[in-house]
Amino acid sequence: MWYSAVGSIVTLLLSLLAVPLAAAAQPLGQVSRIGFLSTTPPPAQRWEALLDGLRERGYREGQNLVFERRFSEGKAERFPELAAELVQLRVDCILVTTTPAALAAKHATQTIPIVILTAIDPVDAGLVASLARPGGNLTGLSVLAPELSGKRLELLKEVVPGLTRVAVL
């Protein structure tokens, strides 16, 4: 499941990084800068999966790709300061791993694209207007979204046609 999510995140990142390429010719040797805002460094296996996906698309860390990593070390109150640092560095996009990090990044910039790996109910958290039309500069994946509950039940009924009761914990 994680590798599937990594593919989605890589696609989102590359889409955001490719926008300037479509708008105007980039000078040779253009370096893309991605801000990475998280509580702690990701597990090595997940980070490598992300880098593998970027490498498959021609991005090489230290050559045409730079990650500006910022970690709150378990202190969510540090996210606003760290997000402001990334904005000041003029990164091309900000990759965030938690809803509090996404909120801090959203408050720090309305122009730099923000990609969230896992938002818990991004609509209720105030990150996006709706899942169908998020608006603003934030995109990514949502773990739990009440808007999708009905659709999930529909899909479950299709997979298990005789289903009459469902319990959710």
Protein backbone atom coordinates (compact mmCIF):
# COMPACT_ATOMS: atom_id res chain seq x y z
CA MET A 1 0.00 0.00 0.00
CA TRP A 2 2.79 2.43 0.88
CA TYR A 3 4.51 1.94 -2.48
CA SER A 4 1.24 2.78 -4.21
CA ALA A 5 1.05 5.97 -2.14
CA VAL A 6 4.68 6.74 -2.99
CA GLY A 7 3.84 6.50 -6.67
CA SER A 8 0.97 8.94 -6.16
CA ILE A 9 3.18 11.36 -4.26
CA VAL A 10 5.94 11.14 -6.87
CA THR A 11 3.37 11.87 -9.59
CA LEU A 12 2.04 14.86 -7.64
CA LEU A 13 5.55 16.21 -7.02
CA LEU A 14 6.57 15.81 -10.63
CA SER A 15 3.37 17.46 -11.83
CA LEU A 16 4.14 20.46 -9.67
CA LEU A 17 7.78 20.58 -10.71
CA ALA A 18 6.87 20.24 -14.41
CA VAL A 19 4.54 23.28 -14.45
CA PRO A 20 7.43 25.74 -14.84
CA LEU A 21 8.88 23.56 -17.63
CA ALA A 22 5.68 23.88 -19.61
CA ALA A 23 5.41 27.61 -18.98
CA ALA A 24 8.87 28.60 -20.19
CA ALA A 25 12.12 27.02 -21.24
CA GLN A 26 14.29 26.24 -18.23
CA PRO A 27 18.02 26.80 -18.37
CA LEU A 28 20.13 23.66 -18.56
CA GLY A 29 21.09 22.48 -15.13
CA GLN A 30 17.90 23.75 -13.49
CA VAL A 31 17.72 22.45 -9.91
CA SER A 32 14.33 21.73 -8.34
CA ARG A 33 14.09 22.41 -4.61
CA ILE A 34 11.61 20.50 -2.49
CA GLY A 35 10.93 21.47 1.09
CA PHE A 36 10.26 18.49 3.33
CA LEU A 37 8.46 19.27 6.60
CA SER A 38 7.90 16.47 9.09
CA THR A 39 7.97 15.56 12.74
CA THR A 40 10.92 13.18 12.29
CA PRO A 41 12.91 11.78 9.38
CA PRO A 42 10.94 9.12 7.48
CA PRO A 43 12.01 5.48 7.70
CA ALA A 44 14.87 4.79 5.29
CA GLN A 45 12.79 2.35 3.23
CA ARG A 46 10.08 4.94 2.58
CA TRP A 47 12.55 7.70 1.77
CA GLU A 48 14.37 5.40 -0.66
CA ALA A 49 11.06 4.49 -2.32
CA LEU A 50 10.37 8.19 -2.89
CA LEU A 51 13.87 8.78 -4.26
CA ASP A 52 13.58 5.69 -6.50
CA GLY A 53 10.37 7.07 -8.00
CA LEU A 54 12.01 10.43 -8.63
CA ARG A 55 15.12 8.77 -10.13
CA GLU A 56 12.91 6.81 -12.55
CA ARG A 57 11.75 10.19 -13.83
CA GLY A 58 15.22 11.67 -14.20
CA TYR A 59 15.62 13.47 -10.86
CA ARG A 60 18.83 12.94 -8.92
CA GLU A 61 19.31 14.32 -5.43
CA GLY A 62 22.41 16.50 -5.39
CA GLN A 63 22.32 16.99 -9.18
CA ASN A 64 19.01 18.42 -10.37
CA LEU A 65 17.08 17.97 -7.11
CA VAL A 66 17.65 19.35 -3.63
CA PHE A 67 15.61 18.51 -0.53
CA GLU A 68 15.46 21.12 2.21
CA ARG A 69 14.55 18.95 5.21
CA ARG A 70 13.02 20.42 8.37
CA PHE A 71 11.94 18.34 11.39
CA SER A 72 9.93 19.50 14.40
CA GLU A 73 11.38 16.74 16.61
CA GLY A 74 7.93 15.93 17.97
CA LYS A 75 7.05 19.56 18.75
CA ALA A 76 4.13 20.67 16.55
CA GLU A 77 4.55 24.26 17.75
CA ARG A 78 7.78 24.41 15.71
CA PHE A 79 5.99 23.81 12.39
CA PRO A 80 5.15 27.49 11.70
CA GLU A 81 8.79 28.56 12.13
CA LEU A 82 10.07 25.67 10.00
CA ALA A 83 7.47 26.29 7.28
CA ALA A 84 8.47 29.97 7.19
CA GLU A 85 12.11 28.91 6.70
CA LEU A 86 11.14 26.79 3.69
CA VAL A 87 9.15 29.66 2.19
CA GLN A 88 12.11 32.01 2.71
CA LEU A 89 14.34 29.50 0.87
CA ARG A 90 11.93 29.74 -2.09
CA VAL A 91 11.44 26.01 -2.52
CA ASP A 92 9.46 24.87 -5.58
CA CYS A 93 7.03 22.86 -3.45
CA ILE A 94 6.64 21.74 0.15
CA LEU A 95 6.09 18.07 0.98
CA VAL A 96 4.46 17.61 4.40
CA THR A 97 3.71 14.45 6.35
CA THR A 98 1.07 15.51 8.89
CA THR A 99 -2.01 17.70 9.13
CA PRO A 100 -0.34 20.13 11.62
CA ALA A 101 2.63 20.51 9.24
CA ALA A 102 0.22 21.13 6.35
CA LEU A 103 -1.63 23.80 8.34
CA ALA A 104 1.65 25.56 9.14
CA ALA A 105 2.74 25.44 5.49
CA LYS A 106 -0.67 26.68 4.33
CA HIS A 107 -0.43 29.66 6.69
CA ALA A 108 3.14 30.37 5.54
CA THR A 109 2.37 30.53 1.80
CA GLN A 110 -0.53 30.81 -0.60
CA THR A 111 1.65 30.40 -3.71
CA ILE A 112 4.11 27.54 -3.18
CA PRO A 113 2.42 24.20 -3.90
CA ILE A 114 2.02 21.98 -0.83
CA VAL A 115 1.75 18.18 -1.10
CA ILE A 116 0.52 16.30 1.96
CA LEU A 117 1.28 12.61 2.34
CA THR A 118 -1.54 11.79 4.76
CA ALA A 119 -4.17 14.27 5.85
CA ILE A 120 -6.76 13.21 8.37
CA ASP A 121 -10.01 14.83 7.26
CA PRO A 122 -8.47 17.76 5.35
CA VAL A 123 -11.85 19.46 4.92
CA ASP A 124 -12.64 19.54 8.64
CA ALA A 125 -9.06 20.57 9.43
CA GLY A 126 -9.45 23.61 7.17
CA LEU A 127 -6.80 22.53 4.68
CA VAL A 128 -9.10 22.38 1.65
CA ALA A 129 -12.60 23.56 0.74
CA SER A 130 -13.68 20.06 -0.35
CA LEU A 131 -12.13 16.85 -1.64
CA ALA A 132 -13.74 17.33 -5.05
CA ARG A 133 -12.59 20.96 -5.38
CA PRO A 134 -9.82 21.61 -2.87
CA GLY A 135 -8.86 25.04 -4.22
CA GLY A 136 -5.75 26.84 -3.04
CA ASN A 137 -2.23 25.49 -3.24
CA LEU A 138 -2.60 22.20 -1.35
CA THR A 139 -3.00 18.69 -2.75
CA GLY A 140 -2.23 15.17 -1.60
CA LEU A 141 -3.73 12.09 -0.02
CA SER A 142 -6.40 11.81 2.65
CA VAL A 143 -6.61 8.93 5.09
CA LEU A 144 -10.05 9.54 6.56
CA ALA A 145 -12.65 11.72 4.95
CA PRO A 146 -16.30 11.54 6.00
CA GLU A 147 -17.27 12.66 2.48
CA LEU A 148 -16.05 9.28 1.20
CA SER A 149 -17.90 7.07 3.70
CA GLY A 150 -20.97 6.65 1.49
CA LYS A 151 -18.83 5.78 -1.52
CA ARG A 152 -16.87 3.23 0.50
CA LEU A 153 -20.10 1.55 1.57
CA GLU A 154 -21.27 1.49 -2.06
CA LEU A 155 -18.04 -0.22 -3.12
CA LEU A 156 -18.29 -2.68 -0.25
CA LYS A 157 -21.85 -3.60 -1.31
CA GLU A 158 -20.60 -4.21 -4.86
CA VAL A 159 -17.82 -6.49 -3.63
CA VAL A 160 -20.08 -8.30 -1.13
CA PRO A 161 -23.59 -8.21 -2.68
CA GLY A 162 -25.32 -10.02 0.21
CA LEU A 163 -23.99 -7.56 2.80
CA THR A 164 -26.68 -6.40 5.24
CA ARG A 165 -24.71 -5.09 8.23
CA VAL A 166 -21.45 -3.20 8.57
CA ALA A 167 -19.64 -2.24 11.76
CA VAL A 168 -17.05 0.51 11.85
CA LEU A 169 -14.60 0.97 14.70
